[in-house]
Amino acid sequence: MANVWSGVTIDCLDPVRVARFWSALLGREPGSSEEGWVYLGERGDAQPRLVFQPVAEPRAGKVRIHLDVTVDDLDEAMSTVARLGGTFTGERHDYDEGVVVVMADPEGHEFCLVEYRG
């Protein structure tokens, strides 16, 4: 049996709110889910499924894994994130291959918007 990356699970105080943000940002529709959880996509989709799991405690400290989202227009993507309830952390990195900005979803989960050059 081959090992296949099938999803990413994100702990949330309010899975519906956070899933709504990611659904709008990535254009991924909710799939069938367990009660209290929200899944974006289905098992077997071309992209890994995003799973939003309810937890009782708020996030503490920096999460050691994050998503990178490739965009065509960084300014437009940052505006979209803000409109959806996310925030810019103030962190930006300029590299030869492109620009990375660190954003956060409505519960503070950090992720990167990446605009590659060329």
PDB file of N, CA and C in Angstrom:
ATOM      1  N   MET A   1       0.854  -1.190   0.000  1.00  0.00           N
ATOM      2  CA  MET A   1       0.000   0.000   0.000  1.00  0.00           C
ATOM      3  C   MET A   1       0.889   1.239   0.000  1.00  0.00           C
ATOM      4  N   ALA A   2       0.580   2.191  -0.844  1.00  0.00           N
ATOM      5  CA  ALA A   2       1.316   3.446  -0.891  1.00  0.00           C
ATOM      6  C   ALA A   2       0.790   4.389   0.182  1.00  0.00           C
ATOM      7  N   ASN A   3       1.689   5.137   0.770  1.00  0.00           N
ATOM      8  CA  ASN A   3       1.273   6.167   1.717  1.00  0.00           C
ATOM      9  C   ASN A   3       0.838   7.396   0.928  1.00  0.00           C
ATOM     10  N   VAL A   4      -0.315   7.944   1.282  1.00  0.00           N
ATOM     11  CA  VAL A   4      -0.883   9.083   0.558  1.00  0.00           C
ATOM     12  C   VAL A   4      -1.266  10.156   1.563  1.00  0.00           C
ATOM     13  N   TRP A   5      -0.807  11.389   1.308  1.00  0.00           N
ATOM     14  CA  TRP A   5      -1.203  12.509   2.146  1.00  0.00           C
ATOM     15  C   TRP A   5      -2.661  12.822   1.828  1.00  0.00           C
ATOM     16  N   SER A   6      -3.531  12.703   2.837  1.00  0.00           N
ATOM     17  CA  SER A   6      -4.959  12.828   2.580  1.00  0.00           C
ATOM     18  C   SER A   6      -5.596  14.062   3.195  1.00  0.00           C
ATOM     19  N   GLY A   7      -4.925  14.723   4.133  1.00  0.00           N
ATOM     20  CA  GLY A   7      -5.561  15.875   4.731  1.00  0.00           C
ATOM     21  C   GLY A   7      -4.705  16.581   5.763  1.00  0.00           C
ATOM     22  N   VAL A   8      -5.221  17.717   6.202  1.00  0.00           N
ATOM     23  CA  VAL A   8      -4.626  18.504   7.277  1.00  0.00           C
ATOM     24  C   VAL A   8      -5.752  18.812   8.259  1.00  0.00           C
ATOM     25  N   THR A   9      -5.508  18.562   9.541  1.00  0.00           N
ATOM     26  CA  THR A   9      -6.506  18.839  10.565  1.00  0.00           C
ATOM     27  C   THR A   9      -6.076  20.056  11.365  1.00  0.00           C
ATOM     28  N   ILE A  10      -7.005  20.988  11.554  1.00  0.00           N
ATOM     29  CA  ILE A  10      -6.744  22.230  12.270  1.00  0.00           C
ATOM     30  C   ILE A  10      -7.661  22.289  13.489  1.00  0.00           C
ATOM     31  N   ASP A  11      -7.071  22.424  14.682  1.00  0.00           N
ATOM     32  CA  ASP A  11      -7.843  22.553  15.916  1.00  0.00           C
ATOM     33  C   ASP A  11      -8.463  23.941  15.977  1.00  0.00           C
ATOM     34  N   CYS A  12      -9.756  24.029  16.367  1.00  0.00           N
ATOM     35  CA  CYS A  12     -10.470  25.317  16.369  1.00  0.00           C
ATOM     36  C   CYS A  12     -11.439  25.399  17.546  1.00  0.00           C
ATOM     37  N   LEU A  13     -11.581  26.591  18.073  1.00  0.00           N
ATOM     38  CA  LEU A  13     -12.651  26.841  19.040  1.00  0.00           C
ATOM     39  C   LEU A  13     -13.995  26.855  18.326  1.00  0.00           C
ATOM     40  N   ASP A  14     -14.019  27.424  17.117  1.00  0.00           N
ATOM     41  CA  ASP A  14     -15.242  27.533  16.319  1.00  0.00           C
ATOM     42  C   ASP A  14     -14.967  26.996  14.913  1.00  0.00           C
ATOM     43  N   PRO A  15     -15.069  25.671  14.727  1.00  0.00           N
ATOM     44  CA  PRO A  15     -14.747  25.079  13.426  1.00  0.00           C
ATOM     45  C   PRO A  15     -15.554  25.642  12.262  1.00  0.00           C
ATOM     46  N   VAL A  16     -16.808  25.991  12.478  1.00  0.00           N
ATOM     47  CA  VAL A  16     -17.641  26.518  11.393  1.00  0.00           C
ATOM     48  C   VAL A  16     -17.086  27.851  10.911  1.00  0.00           C
ATOM     49  N   ARG A  17     -16.748  28.741  11.828  1.00  0.00           N
ATOM     50  CA  ARG A  17     -16.212  30.062  11.473  1.00  0.00           C
ATOM     51  C   ARG A  17     -14.892  29.943  10.727  1.00  0.00           C
ATOM     52  N   VAL A  18     -13.996  29.129  11.237  1.00  0.00           N
ATOM     53  CA  VAL A  18     -12.676  28.991  10.613  1.00  0.00           C
ATOM     54  C   VAL A  18     -12.801  28.287   9.263  1.00  0.00           C
ATOM     55  N   ALA A  19     -13.635  27.264   9.168  1.00  0.00           N
ATOM     56  CA  ALA A  19     -13.835  26.562   7.896  1.00  0.00           C
ATOM     57  C   ALA A  19     -14.448  27.488   6.849  1.00  0.00           C
ATOM     58  N   ARG A  20     -15.371  28.361   7.271  1.00  0.00           N
ATOM     59  CA  ARG A  20     -15.983  29.318   6.341  1.00  0.00           C
ATOM     60  C   ARG A  20     -14.905  30.228   5.742  1.00  0.00           C
ATOM     61  N   PHE A  21     -13.954  30.688   6.565  1.00  0.00           N
ATOM     62  CA  PHE A  21     -12.842  31.512   6.092  1.00  0.00           C
ATOM     63  C   PHE A  21     -12.036  30.761   5.034  1.00  0.00           C
ATOM     64  N   TRP A  22     -11.600  29.545   5.353  1.00  0.00           N
ATOM     65  CA  TRP A  22     -10.758  28.772   4.433  1.00  0.00           C
ATOM     66  C   TRP A  22     -11.521  28.354   3.185  1.00  0.00           C
ATOM     67  N   SER A  23     -12.800  28.062   3.313  1.00  0.00           N
ATOM     68  CA  SER A  23     -13.621  27.710   2.160  1.00  0.00           C
ATOM     69  C   SER A  23     -13.665  28.857   1.164  1.00  0.00           C
ATOM     70  N   ALA A  24     -13.885  30.076   1.677  1.00  0.00           N
ATOM     71  CA  ALA A  24     -13.945  31.252   0.802  1.00  0.00           C
ATOM     72  C   ALA A  24     -12.576  31.565   0.206  1.00  0.00           C
ATOM     73  N   LEU A  25     -11.524  31.450   1.001  1.00  0.00           N
ATOM     74  CA  LEU A  25     -10.180  31.777   0.517  1.00  0.00           C
ATOM     75  C   LEU A  25      -9.717  30.811  -0.568  1.00  0.00           C
ATOM     76  N   LEU A  26      -9.974  29.533  -0.378  1.00  0.00           N
ATOM     77  CA  LEU A  26      -9.454  28.507  -1.293  1.00  0.00           C
ATOM     78  C   LEU A  26     -10.475  28.004  -2.302  1.00  0.00           C
ATOM     79  N   GLY A  27     -11.724  28.419  -2.171  1.00  0.00           N
ATOM     80  CA  GLY A  27     -12.741  27.927  -3.092  1.00  0.00           C
ATOM     81  C   GLY A  27     -13.011  26.439  -2.920  1.00  0.00           C
ATOM     82  N   ARG A  28     -12.906  25.951  -1.697  1.00  0.00           N
ATOM     83  CA  ARG A  28     -13.168  24.535  -1.403  1.00  0.00           C
ATOM     84  C   ARG A  28     -14.510  24.409  -0.703  1.00  0.00           C
ATOM     85  N   GLU A  29     -15.351  23.551  -1.207  1.00  0.00           N
ATOM     86  CA  GLU A  29     -16.680  23.361  -0.644  1.00  0.00           C
ATOM     87  C   GLU A  29     -16.638  22.368   0.516  1.00  0.00           C
ATOM     88  N   PRO A  30     -17.501  22.581   1.517  1.00  0.00           N
ATOM     89  CA  PRO A  30     -17.593  21.598   2.600  1.00  0.00           C
ATOM     90  C   PRO A  30     -18.075  20.250   2.075  1.00  0.00           C
ATOM     91  N   GLY A  31     -17.516  19.196   2.638  1.00  0.00           N
ATOM     92  CA  GLY A  31     -17.947  17.836   2.322  1.00  0.00           C
ATOM     93  C   GLY A  31     -18.701  17.263   3.507  1.00  0.00           C
ATOM     94  N   SER A  32     -19.005  15.983   3.449  1.00  0.00           N
ATOM     95  CA  SER A  32     -19.676  15.352   4.578  1.00  0.00           C
ATOM     96  C   SER A  32     -18.718  15.361   5.768  1.00  0.00           C
ATOM     97  N   SER A  33     -19.258  15.640   6.962  1.00  0.00           N
ATOM     98  CA  SER A  33     -18.440  15.825   8.150  1.00  0.00           C
ATOM     99  C   SER A  33     -19.050  15.127   9.349  1.00  0.00           C
ATOM    100  N   GLU A  34     -18.213  14.843  10.339  1.00  0.00           N
ATOM    101  CA  GLU A  34     -18.691  14.350  11.625  1.00  0.00           C
ATOM    102  C   GLU A  34     -19.362  15.516  12.354  1.00  0.00           C
ATOM    103  N   GLU A  35     -20.267  15.215  13.265  1.00  0.00           N
ATOM    104  CA  GLU A  35     -20.946  16.277  13.998  1.00  0.00           C
ATOM    105  C   GLU A  35     -19.930  17.126  14.777  1.00  0.00           C
ATOM    106  N   GLY A  36     -20.057  18.456  14.631  1.00  0.00           N
ATOM    107  CA  GLY A  36     -19.170  19.385  15.318  1.00  0.00           C
ATOM    108  C   GLY A  36     -17.893  19.689  14.546  1.00  0.00           C
ATOM    109  N   TRP A  37     -17.583  18.895  13.549  1.00  0.00           N
ATOM    110  CA  TRP A  37     -16.393  19.074  12.723  1.00  0.00           C
ATOM    111  C   TRP A  37     -16.839  19.646  11.376  1.00  0.00           C
ATOM    112  N   VAL A  38     -15.891  20.209  10.631  1.00  0.00           N
ATOM    113  CA  VAL A  38     -16.172  20.638   9.262  1.00  0.00           C
ATOM    114  C   VAL A  38     -15.033  20.149   8.388  1.00  0.00           C
ATOM    115  N   TYR A  39     -15.393  19.484   7.280  1.00  0.00           N
ATOM    116  CA  TYR A  39     -14.411  19.011   6.307  1.00  0.00           C
ATOM    117  C   TYR A  39     -14.579  19.826   5.029  1.00  0.00           C
ATOM    118  N   LEU A  40     -13.475  20.314   4.486  1.00  0.00           N
ATOM    119  CA  LEU A  40     -13.508  20.948   3.164  1.00  0.00           C
ATOM    120  C   LEU A  40     -12.925  19.951   2.186  1.00  0.00           C
ATOM    121  N   GLY A  41     -13.758  19.534   1.247  1.00  0.00           N
ATOM    122  CA  GLY A  41     -13.361  18.502   0.305  1.00  0.00           C
ATOM    123  C   GLY A  41     -13.746  17.129   0.813  1.00  0.00           C
ATOM    124  N   GLU A  42     -13.436  16.150  -0.016  1.00  0.00           N
ATOM    125  CA  GLU A  42     -13.762  14.753   0.285  1.00  0.00           C
ATOM    126  C   GLU A  42     -12.491  13.922   0.229  1.00  0.00           C
ATOM    127  N   ARG A  43     -12.489  12.800   0.921  1.00  0.00           N
ATOM    128  CA  ARG A  43     -11.378  11.862   0.790  1.00  0.00           C
ATOM    129  C   ARG A  43     -11.245  11.482  -0.672  1.00  0.00           C
ATOM    130  N   GLY A  44     -10.025  11.439  -1.168  1.00  0.00           N
ATOM    131  CA  GLY A  44      -9.806  11.058  -2.554  1.00  0.00           C
ATOM    132  C   GLY A  44      -9.778  12.222  -3.525  1.00  0.00           C
ATOM    133  N   ASP A  45     -10.048  13.451  -3.039  1.00  0.00           N
ATOM    134  CA  ASP A  45      -9.948  14.630  -3.905  1.00  0.00           C
ATOM    135  C   ASP A  45      -8.506  14.809  -4.373  1.00  0.00           C
ATOM    136  N   ALA A  46      -8.332  15.578  -5.438  1.00  0.00           N
ATOM    137  CA  ALA A  46      -6.984  15.842  -5.958  1.00  0.00           C
ATOM    138  C   ALA A  46      -6.136  16.605  -4.940  1.00  0.00           C
ATOM    139  N   GLN A  47      -6.754  17.469  -4.142  1.00  0.00           N
ATOM    140  CA  GLN A  47      -6.053  18.197  -3.084  1.00  0.00           C
ATOM    141  C   GLN A  47      -6.383  17.555  -1.742  1.00  0.00           C
ATOM    142  N   PRO A  48      -5.447  17.609  -0.788  1.00  0.00           N
ATOM    143  CA  PRO A  48      -5.762  17.070   0.541  1.00  0.00           C
ATOM    144  C   PRO A  48      -6.968  17.776   1.156  1.00  0.00           C
ATOM    145  N   ARG A  49      -7.763  17.022   1.881  1.00  0.00           N
ATOM    146  CA  ARG A  49      -8.937  17.550   2.565  1.00  0.00           C
ATOM    147  C   ARG A  49      -8.479  18.376   3.764  1.00  0.00           C
ATOM    148  N   LEU A  50      -9.164  19.494   4.037  1.00  0.00           N
ATOM    149  CA  LEU A  50      -8.928  20.273   5.249  1.00  0.00           C
ATOM    150  C   LEU A  50     -10.003  19.907   6.261  1.00  0.00           C
ATOM    151  N   VAL A  51      -9.567  19.589   7.464  1.00  0.00           N
ATOM    152  CA  VAL A  51     -10.477  19.154   8.520  1.00  0.00           C
ATOM    153  C   VAL A  51     -10.363  20.130   9.688  1.00  0.00           C
ATOM    154  N   PHE A  52     -11.491  20.636  10.141  1.00  0.00           N
ATOM    155  CA  PHE A  52     -11.529  21.582  11.249  1.00  0.00           C
ATOM    156  C   PHE A  52     -12.162  20.877  12.446  1.00  0.00           C
ATOM    157  N   GLN A  53     -11.331  20.664  13.453  1.00  0.00           N
ATOM    158  CA  GLN A  53     -11.684  19.852  14.619  1.00  0.00           C
ATOM    159  C   GLN A  53     -11.986  20.750  15.810  1.00  0.00           C
ATOM    160  N   PRO A  54     -13.127  20.517  16.502  1.00  0.00           N
ATOM    161  CA  PRO A  54     -13.415  21.342  17.668  1.00  0.00           C
ATOM    162  C   PRO A  54     -12.517  20.969  18.852  1.00  0.00           C
ATOM    163  N   VAL A  55     -11.993  21.991  19.518  1.00  0.00           N
ATOM    164  CA  VAL A  55     -11.225  21.796  20.753  1.00  0.00           C
ATOM    165  C   VAL A  55     -11.706  22.833  21.771  1.00  0.00           C
ATOM    166  N   ALA A  56     -11.497  22.558  23.043  1.00  0.00           N
ATOM    167  CA  ALA A  56     -11.988  23.440  24.101  1.00  0.00           C
ATOM    168  C   ALA A  56     -11.009  24.548  24.467  1.00  0.00           C
ATOM    169  N   GLU A  57      -9.734  24.325  24.220  1.00  0.00           N
ATOM    170  CA  GLU A  57      -8.733  25.300  24.647  1.00  0.00           C
ATOM    171  C   GLU A  57      -8.241  26.135  23.473  1.00  0.00           C
ATOM    172  N   PRO A  58      -7.965  27.431  23.710  1.00  0.00           N
ATOM    173  CA  PRO A  58      -7.446  28.278  22.636  1.00  0.00           C
ATOM    174  C   PRO A  58      -6.012  27.905  22.284  1.00  0.00           C
ATOM    175  N   ARG A  59      -5.605  28.308  21.087  1.00  0.00           N
ATOM    176  CA  ARG A  59      -4.239  28.073  20.624  1.00  0.00           C
ATOM    177  C   ARG A  59      -3.282  28.775  21.570  1.00  0.00           C
ATOM    178  N   ALA A  60      -2.186  28.109  21.903  1.00  0.00           N
ATOM    179  CA  ALA A  60      -1.162  28.708  22.760  1.00  0.00           C
ATOM    180  C   ALA A  60       0.176  28.616  22.039  1.00  0.00           C
ATOM    181  N   GLY A  61       0.771  29.768  21.737  1.00  0.00           N
ATOM    182  CA  GLY A  61       2.066  29.775  21.077  1.00  0.00           C
ATOM    183  C   GLY A  61       1.965  29.590  19.578  1.00  0.00           C
ATOM    184  N   LYS A  62       3.117  29.615  18.940  1.00  0.00           N
ATOM    185  CA  LYS A  62       3.198  29.493  17.486  1.00  0.00           C
ATOM    186  C   LYS A  62       2.984  28.036  17.078  1.00  0.00           C
ATOM    187  N   VAL A  63       2.135  27.836  16.092  1.00  0.00           N
ATOM    188  CA  VAL A  63       1.921  26.508  15.540  1.00  0.00           C
ATOM    189  C   VAL A  63       3.159  26.141  14.715  1.00  0.00           C
ATOM    190  N   ARG A  64       3.621  24.909  14.827  1.00  0.00           N
ATOM    191  CA  ARG A  64       4.876  24.503  14.201  1.00  0.00           C
ATOM    192  C   ARG A  64       4.704  24.011  12.765  1.00  0.00           C
ATOM    193  N   ILE A  65       3.499  24.068  12.232  1.00  0.00           N
ATOM    194  CA  ILE A  65       3.245  23.711  10.839  1.00  0.00           C
ATOM    195  C   ILE A  65       2.221  24.708  10.307  1.00  0.00           C
ATOM    196  N   HIS A  66       2.325  25.049   9.024  1.00  0.00           N
ATOM    197  CA  HIS A  66       1.368  25.993   8.458  1.00  0.00           C
ATOM    198  C   HIS A  66       1.181  25.711   6.974  1.00  0.00           C
ATOM    199  N   LEU A  67       0.150  26.299   6.412  1.00  0.00           N
ATOM    200  CA  LEU A  67      -0.142  26.158   4.994  1.00  0.00           C
ATOM    201  C   LEU A  67       0.471  27.308   4.220  1.00  0.00           C
ATOM    202  N   ASP A  68       0.941  27.037   3.008  1.00  0.00           N
ATOM    203  CA  ASP A  68       1.371  28.063   2.062  1.00  0.00           C
ATOM    204  C   ASP A  68       0.329  28.128   0.960  1.00  0.00           C
ATOM    205  N   VAL A  69      -0.122  29.327   0.642  1.00  0.00           N
ATOM    206  CA  VAL A  69      -1.125  29.527  -0.402  1.00  0.00           C
ATOM    207  C   VAL A  69      -0.483  30.381  -1.494  1.00  0.00           C
ATOM    208  N   THR A  70      -0.318  29.808  -2.693  1.00  0.00           N
ATOM    209  CA  THR A  70       0.265  30.534  -3.820  1.00  0.00           C
ATOM    210  C   THR A  70      -0.803  31.425  -4.435  1.00  0.00           C
ATOM    211  N   VAL A  71      -0.432  32.703  -4.675  1.00  0.00           N
ATOM    212  CA  VAL A  71      -1.372  33.685  -5.223  1.00  0.00           C
ATOM    213  C   VAL A  71      -0.748  34.373  -6.426  1.00  0.00           C
ATOM    214  N   ASP A  72      -1.611  34.909  -7.295  1.00  0.00           N
ATOM    215  CA  ASP A  72      -1.146  35.663  -8.462  1.00  0.00           C
ATOM    216  C   ASP A  72      -0.903  37.133  -8.126  1.00  0.00           C
ATOM    217  N   ASP A  73      -1.689  37.677  -7.192  1.00  0.00           N
ATOM    218  CA  ASP A  73      -1.611  39.093  -6.836  1.00  0.00           C
ATOM    219  C   ASP A  73      -1.611  39.197  -5.318  1.00  0.00           C
ATOM    220  N   LEU A  74      -0.451  39.464  -4.745  1.00  0.00           N
ATOM    221  CA  LEU A  74      -0.286  39.475  -3.300  1.00  0.00           C
ATOM    222  C   LEU A  74      -1.168  40.511  -2.618  1.00  0.00           C
ATOM    223  N   ASP A  75      -1.210  41.731  -3.149  1.00  0.00           N
ATOM    224  CA  ASP A  75      -2.030  42.779  -2.539  1.00  0.00           C
ATOM    225  C   ASP A  75      -3.511  42.394  -2.534  1.00  0.00           C
ATOM    226  N   GLU A  76      -3.967  41.863  -3.645  1.00  0.00           N
ATOM    227  CA  GLU A  76      -5.375  41.437  -3.737  1.00  0.00           C
ATOM    228  C   GLU A  76      -5.660  40.309  -2.757  1.00  0.00           C
ATOM    229  N   ALA A  77      -4.746  39.355  -2.651  1.00  0.00           N
ATOM    230  CA  ALA A  77      -4.933  38.229  -1.732  1.00  0.00           C
ATOM    231  C   ALA A  77      -4.953  38.700  -0.276  1.00  0.00           C
ATOM    232  N   MET A  78      -4.075  39.637   0.066  1.00  0.00           N
ATOM    233  CA  MET A  78      -4.066  40.176   1.427  1.00  0.00           C
ATOM    234  C   MET A  78      -5.372  40.888   1.736  1.00  0.00           C
ATOM    235  N   SER A  79      -5.907  41.614   0.779  1.00  0.00           N
ATOM    236  CA  SER A  79      -7.200  42.285   0.960  1.00  0.00           C
ATOM    237  C   SER A  79      -8.315  41.274   1.148  1.00  0.00           C
ATOM    238  N   THR A  80      -8.270  40.191   0.380  1.00  0.00           N
ATOM    239  CA  THR A  80      -9.276  39.134   0.511  1.00  0.00           C
ATOM    240  C   THR A  80      -9.221  38.510   1.895  1.00  0.00           C
ATOM    241  N   VAL A  81      -8.027  38.208   2.372  1.00  0.00           N
ATOM    242  CA  VAL A  81      -7.876  37.628   3.712  1.00  0.00           C
ATOM    243  C   VAL A  81      -8.481  38.561   4.760  1.00  0.00           C
ATOM    244  N   ALA A  82      -8.183  39.850   4.665  1.00  0.00           N
ATOM    245  CA  ALA A  82      -8.728  40.813   5.631  1.00  0.00           C
ATOM    246  C   ALA A  82     -10.247  40.882   5.548  1.00  0.00           C
ATOM    247  N   ARG A  83     -10.789  40.889   4.329  1.00  0.00           N
ATOM    248  CA  ARG A  83     -12.241  40.940   4.136  1.00  0.00           C
ATOM    249  C   ARG A  83     -12.927  39.717   4.737  1.00  0.00           C
ATOM    250  N   LEU A  84     -12.236  38.572   4.724  1.00  0.00           N
ATOM    251  CA  LEU A  84     -12.796  37.326   5.251  1.00  0.00           C
ATOM    252  C   LEU A  84     -12.615  37.184   6.763  1.00  0.00           C
ATOM    253  N   GLY A  85     -11.919  38.154   7.392  1.00  0.00           N
ATOM    254  CA  GLY A  85     -11.750  38.103   8.843  1.00  0.00           C
ATOM    255  C   GLY A  85     -10.357  37.724   9.303  1.00  0.00           C
ATOM    256  N   GLY A  86      -9.431  37.550   8.369  1.00  0.00           N
ATOM    257  CA  GLY A  86      -8.049  37.246   8.727  1.00  0.00           C
ATOM    258  C   GLY A  86      -7.244  38.515   8.908  1.00  0.00           C
ATOM    259  N   THR A  87      -5.976  38.368   9.272  1.00  0.00           N
ATOM    260  CA  THR A  87      -5.113  39.518   9.522  1.00  0.00           C
ATOM    261  C   THR A  87      -3.717  39.293   8.961  1.00  0.00           C
ATOM    262  N   PHE A  88      -3.030  40.403   8.717  1.00  0.00           N
ATOM    263  CA  PHE A  88      -1.624  40.400   8.327  1.00  0.00           C
ATOM    264  C   PHE A  88      -0.809  40.498   9.609  1.00  0.00           C
ATOM    265  N   THR A  89       0.167  39.621   9.797  1.00  0.00           N
ATOM    266  CA  THR A  89       0.968  39.609  11.024  1.00  0.00           C
ATOM    267  C   THR A  89       2.039  40.687  11.029  1.00  0.00           C
ATOM    268  N   GLY A  90       2.289  41.303   9.871  1.00  0.00           N
ATOM    269  CA  GLY A  90       3.364  42.275   9.754  1.00  0.00           C
ATOM    270  C   GLY A  90       4.666  41.664   9.271  1.00  0.00           C
ATOM    271  N   GLU A  91       4.670  40.356   9.098  1.00  0.00           N
ATOM    272  CA  GLU A  91       5.889  39.661   8.672  1.00  0.00           C
ATOM    273  C   GLU A  91       5.885  39.465   7.155  1.00  0.00           C
ATOM    274  N   ARG A  92       6.956  39.927   6.513  1.00  0.00           N
ATOM    275  CA  ARG A  92       7.108  39.812   5.058  1.00  0.00           C
ATOM    276  C   ARG A  92       8.547  39.404   4.763  1.00  0.00           C
ATOM    277  N   HIS A  93       8.690  38.517   3.778  1.00  0.00           N
ATOM    278  CA  HIS A  93      10.018  38.049   3.370  1.00  0.00           C
ATOM    279  C   HIS A  93      10.126  38.162   1.855  1.00  0.00           C
ATOM    280  N   ASP A  94      11.158  38.853   1.386  1.00  0.00           N
ATOM    281  CA  ASP A  94      11.415  38.999  -0.043  1.00  0.00           C
ATOM    282  C   ASP A  94      12.600  38.109  -0.412  1.00  0.00           C
ATOM    283  N   TYR A  95      12.379  37.215  -1.357  1.00  0.00           N
ATOM    284  CA  TYR A  95      13.404  36.292  -1.824  1.00  0.00           C
ATOM    285  C   TYR A  95      13.587  36.485  -3.332  1.00  0.00           C
ATOM    286  N   ASP A  96      14.656  35.933  -3.886  1.00  0.00           N
ATOM    287  CA  ASP A  96      14.866  35.999  -5.326  1.00  0.00           C
ATOM    288  C   ASP A  96      13.694  35.390  -6.091  1.00  0.00           C
ATOM    289  N   GLU A  97      13.122  34.301  -5.553  1.00  0.00           N
ATOM    290  CA  GLU A  97      12.051  33.602  -6.268  1.00  0.00           C
ATOM    291  C   GLU A  97      10.659  34.181  -6.025  1.00  0.00           C
ATOM    292  N   GLY A  98      10.521  35.074  -5.038  1.00  0.00           N
ATOM    293  CA  GLY A  98       9.214  35.661  -4.799  1.00  0.00           C
ATOM    294  C   GLY A  98       9.082  36.287  -3.429  1.00  0.00           C
ATOM    295  N   VAL A  99       7.842  36.590  -3.065  1.00  0.00           N
ATOM    296  CA  VAL A  99       7.534  37.266  -1.808  1.00  0.00           C
ATOM    297  C   VAL A  99       6.609  36.384  -0.983  1.00  0.00           C
ATOM    298  N   VAL A 100       6.862  36.359   0.322  1.00  0.00           N
ATOM    299  CA  VAL A 100       6.039  35.607   1.274  1.00  0.00           C
ATOM    300  C   VAL A 100       5.575  36.567   2.360  1.00  0.00           C
ATOM    301  N   VAL A 101       4.273  36.586   2.628  1.00  0.00           N
ATOM    302  CA  VAL A 101       3.756  37.328   3.771  1.00  0.00           C
ATOM    303  C   VAL A 101       3.038  36.350   4.688  1.00  0.00           C
ATOM    304  N   VAL A 102       3.181  36.596   5.979  1.00  0.00           N
ATOM    305  CA  VAL A 102       2.555  35.734   6.975  1.00  0.00           C
ATOM    306  C   VAL A 102       1.232  36.358   7.383  1.00  0.00           C
ATOM    307  N   MET A 103       0.172  35.587   7.239  1.00  0.00           N
ATOM    308  CA  MET A 103      -1.182  36.016   7.560  1.00  0.00           C
ATOM    309  C   MET A 103      -1.709  35.122   8.684  1.00  0.00           C
ATOM    310  N   ALA A 104      -2.891  35.456   9.207  1.00  0.00           N
ATOM    311  CA  ALA A 104      -3.535  34.625  10.220  1.00  0.00           C
ATOM    312  C   ALA A 104      -5.024  34.551   9.920  1.00  0.00           C
ATOM    313  N   ASP A 105      -5.611  33.378  10.158  1.00  0.00           N
ATOM    314  CA  ASP A 105      -7.054  33.220   9.965  1.00  0.00           C
ATOM    315  C   ASP A 105      -7.787  33.825  11.169  1.00  0.00           C
ATOM    316  N   PRO A 106      -9.118  33.761  11.222  1.00  0.00           N
ATOM    317  CA  PRO A 106      -9.848  34.415  12.309  1.00  0.00           C
ATOM    318  C   PRO A 106      -9.506  33.936  13.722  1.00  0.00           C
ATOM    319  N   GLU A 107      -8.945  32.732  13.872  1.00  0.00           N
ATOM    320  CA  GLU A 107      -8.542  32.259  15.198  1.00  0.00           C
ATOM    321  C   GLU A 107      -7.043  32.372  15.424  1.00  0.00           C
ATOM    322  N   GLY A 108      -6.340  33.024  14.490  1.00  0.00           N
ATOM    323  CA  GLY A 108      -4.911  33.249  14.688  1.00  0.00           C
ATOM    324  C   GLY A 108      -3.996  32.177  14.135  1.00  0.00           C
ATOM    325  N   HIS A 109      -4.537  31.180  13.411  1.00  0.00           N
ATOM    326  CA  HIS A 109      -3.680  30.182  12.775  1.00  0.00           C
ATOM    327  C   HIS A 109      -2.899  30.866  11.659  1.00  0.00           C
ATOM    328  N   GLU A 110      -1.591  30.842  11.756  1.00  0.00           N
ATOM    329  CA  GLU A 110      -0.765  31.514  10.760  1.00  0.00           C
ATOM    330  C   GLU A 110      -0.635  30.682   9.485  1.00  0.00           C
ATOM    331  N   PHE A 111      -0.537  31.376   8.352  1.00  0.00           N
ATOM    332  CA  PHE A 111      -0.294  30.748   7.058  1.00  0.00           C
ATOM    333  C   PHE A 111       0.418  31.771   6.189  1.00  0.00           C
ATOM    334  N   CYS A 112       0.985  31.318   5.093  1.00  0.00           N
ATOM    335  CA  CYS A 112       1.724  32.216   4.214  1.00  0.00           C
ATOM    336  C   CYS A 112       1.003  32.383   2.883  1.00  0.00           C
ATOM    337  N   LEU A 113       0.977  33.623   2.401  1.00  0.00           N
ATOM    338  CA  LEU A 113       0.609  33.909   1.030  1.00  0.00           C
ATOM    339  C   LEU A 113       1.928  34.058   0.279  1.00  0.00           C
ATOM    340  N   VAL A 114       2.052  33.362  -0.843  1.00  0.00           N
ATOM    341  CA  VAL A 114       3.298  33.349  -1.605  1.00  0.00           C
ATOM    342  C   VAL A 114       3.026  33.791  -3.036  1.00  0.00           C
ATOM    343  N   GLU A 115       3.749  34.814  -3.487  1.00  0.00           N
ATOM    344  CA  GLU A 115       3.666  35.250  -4.873  1.00  0.00           C
ATOM    345  C   GLU A 115       5.033  35.023  -5.501  1.00  0.00           C
ATOM    346  N   TYR A 116       5.100  34.033  -6.394  1.00  0.00           N
ATOM    347  CA  TYR A 116       6.355  33.707  -7.052  1.00  0.00           C
ATOM    348  C   TYR A 116       6.600  34.664  -8.212  1.00  0.00           C
ATOM    349  N   ARG A 117       7.858  34.937  -8.472  1.00  0.00           N
ATOM    350  CA  ARG A 117       8.248  35.765  -9.625  1.00  0.00           C
ATOM    351  C   ARG A 117       8.462  34.875 -10.830  1.00  0.00           C
ATOM    352  N   GLY A 118       8.140  35.415 -12.008  1.00  0.00           N
ATOM    353  CA  GLY A 118       8.418  34.686 -13.252  1.00  0.00           C
ATOM    354  C   GLY A 118       7.536  33.557 -13.408  1.00  0.00           C
TER     355      GLY A 118
END
